[in-house]
Amino acid sequence: MLKIHCPECTKSFIWTDDMPPRGKCSNPSCDGGYDVHGALRRNLAARNPAAADPLLCPACGGPIPSR
């Protein structure tokens, strides 16, 4: 299950495994569509920090050098 927001009407709905990966928005008055693969990529990018960013010390806030 994945929560998807329609880019046109901003209505959200839950996508389940028995639904197609691409389809029409569940709002009858909206002509927009959804793409599960794109929504999953955006969801993962928002939740995972960039690998290039250094780890910061919680006490001083300075970067932690690698081993």
C-alpha atoms as a PDB file:
ATOM      1  CA  MET A   1       0.000   0.000   0.000  1.00  0.00           C
ATOM      2  CA  LEU A   2       1.210   3.471  -0.867  1.00  0.00           C
ATOM      3  CA  LYS A   3      -0.390   6.862  -0.281  1.00  0.00           C
ATOM      4  CA  ILE A   4      -0.492   8.798  -3.555  1.00  0.00           C
ATOM      5  CA  HIS A   5      -1.312  12.481  -4.112  1.00  0.00           C
ATOM      6  CA  CYS A   6      -2.809  13.524  -7.435  1.00  0.00           C
ATOM      7  CA  PRO A   7      -0.647  16.298  -8.957  1.00  0.00           C
ATOM      8  CA  GLU A   8      -3.698  18.047 -10.448  1.00  0.00           C
ATOM      9  CA  CYS A   9      -6.311  18.129  -7.659  1.00  0.00           C
ATOM     10  CA  THR A  10      -3.980  17.243  -4.700  1.00  0.00           C
ATOM     11  CA  LYS A  11      -6.456  14.620  -3.478  1.00  0.00           C
ATOM     12  CA  SER A  12      -4.747  11.662  -1.818  1.00  0.00           C
ATOM     13  CA  PHE A  13      -5.730   8.016  -1.920  1.00  0.00           C
ATOM     14  CA  ILE A  14      -4.261   4.660  -0.992  1.00  0.00           C
ATOM     15  CA  TRP A  15      -2.895   2.549  -3.843  1.00  0.00           C
ATOM     16  CA  THR A  16      -3.135  -1.212  -3.303  1.00  0.00           C
ATOM     17  CA  ASP A  17      -1.404  -4.067  -5.101  1.00  0.00           C
ATOM     18  CA  ASP A  18      -4.517  -4.999  -7.086  1.00  0.00           C
ATOM     19  CA  MET A  19      -4.674  -1.545  -8.745  1.00  0.00           C
ATOM     20  CA  PRO A  20      -2.743  -0.783 -11.971  1.00  0.00           C
ATOM     21  CA  PRO A  21       0.623   1.028 -11.567  1.00  0.00           C
ATOM     22  CA  ARG A  22      -0.663   3.896 -13.720  1.00  0.00           C
ATOM     23  CA  GLY A  23      -4.220   5.096 -13.803  1.00  0.00           C
ATOM     24  CA  LYS A  24      -6.767   7.852 -13.487  1.00  0.00           C
ATOM     25  CA  CYS A  25      -7.269   9.872 -10.313  1.00  0.00           C
ATOM     26  CA  SER A  26      -9.976   8.550  -8.003  1.00  0.00           C
ATOM     27  CA  ASN A  27     -11.642  12.000  -7.924  1.00  0.00           C
ATOM     28  CA  PRO A  28     -14.431  11.909 -10.567  1.00  0.00           C
ATOM     29  CA  SER A  29     -14.118  15.617 -11.351  1.00  0.00           C
ATOM     30  CA  CYS A  30     -10.345  15.408 -11.974  1.00  0.00           C
ATOM     31  CA  ASP A  31      -8.776  14.414 -15.304  1.00  0.00           C
ATOM     32  CA  GLY A  32      -5.330  13.823 -13.770  1.00  0.00           C
ATOM     33  CA  GLY A  33      -3.593  10.498 -13.432  1.00  0.00           C
ATOM     34  CA  TYR A  34      -1.189   8.804 -11.089  1.00  0.00           C
ATOM     35  CA  ASP A  35       2.071   6.930 -11.526  1.00  0.00           C
ATOM     36  CA  VAL A  36       3.024   4.573  -8.686  1.00  0.00           C
ATOM     37  CA  HIS A  37       6.654   4.267  -9.742  1.00  0.00           C
ATOM     38  CA  GLY A  38       7.131   8.044  -9.811  1.00  0.00           C
ATOM     39  CA  ALA A  39       5.366   8.466  -6.465  1.00  0.00           C
ATOM     40  CA  LEU A  40       7.558   5.776  -4.914  1.00  0.00           C
ATOM     41  CA  ARG A  41      10.737   7.463  -6.197  1.00  0.00           C
ATOM     42  CA  ARG A  42       9.638  10.824  -4.769  1.00  0.00           C
ATOM     43  CA  ASN A  43       8.700   9.180  -1.451  1.00  0.00           C
ATOM     44  CA  LEU A  44      12.090   7.477  -1.111  1.00  0.00           C
ATOM     45  CA  ALA A  45      14.003  10.597  -2.115  1.00  0.00           C
ATOM     46  CA  ALA A  46      12.188  12.626   0.552  1.00  0.00           C
ATOM     47  CA  ARG A  47      12.838  10.058   3.289  1.00  0.00           C
ATOM     48  CA  ASN A  48      16.481   9.147   2.573  1.00  0.00           C
ATOM     49  CA  PRO A  49      19.171  11.794   3.065  1.00  0.00           C
ATOM     50  CA  ALA A  50      21.722  12.216   0.311  1.00  0.00           C
ATOM     51  CA  ALA A  51      24.693   9.868   0.619  1.00  0.00           C
ATOM     52  CA  ALA A  52      27.129  12.698  -0.114  1.00  0.00           C
ATOM     53  CA  ASP A  53      26.060  14.683   2.956  1.00  0.00           C
ATOM     54  CA  PRO A  54      28.478  14.171   5.860  1.00  0.00           C
ATOM     55  CA  LEU A  55      27.266  12.771   9.147  1.00  0.00           C
ATOM     56  CA  LEU A  56      27.022  15.468  11.806  1.00  0.00           C
ATOM     57  CA  CYS A  57      27.926  15.140  15.482  1.00  0.00           C
ATOM     58  CA  PRO A  58      24.784  15.494  17.641  1.00  0.00           C
ATOM     59  CA  ALA A  59      26.754  17.307  20.383  1.00  0.00           C
ATOM     60  CA  CYS A  60      28.711  19.935  18.441  1.00  0.00           C
ATOM     61  CA  GLY A  61      27.097  19.805  14.984  1.00  0.00           C
ATOM     62  CA  GLY A  62      30.450  19.344  13.239  1.00  0.00           C
ATOM     63  CA  PRO A  63      31.064  16.769  10.512  1.00  0.00           C
ATOM     64  CA  ILE A  64      32.207  13.323  11.636  1.00  0.00           C
ATOM     65  CA  PRO A  65      35.303  12.217   9.667  1.00  0.00           C
ATOM     66  CA  SER A  66      35.174   8.808   8.048  1.00  0.00           C
ATOM     67  CA  ARG A  67      37.477   6.026   9.235  1.00  0.00           C
END
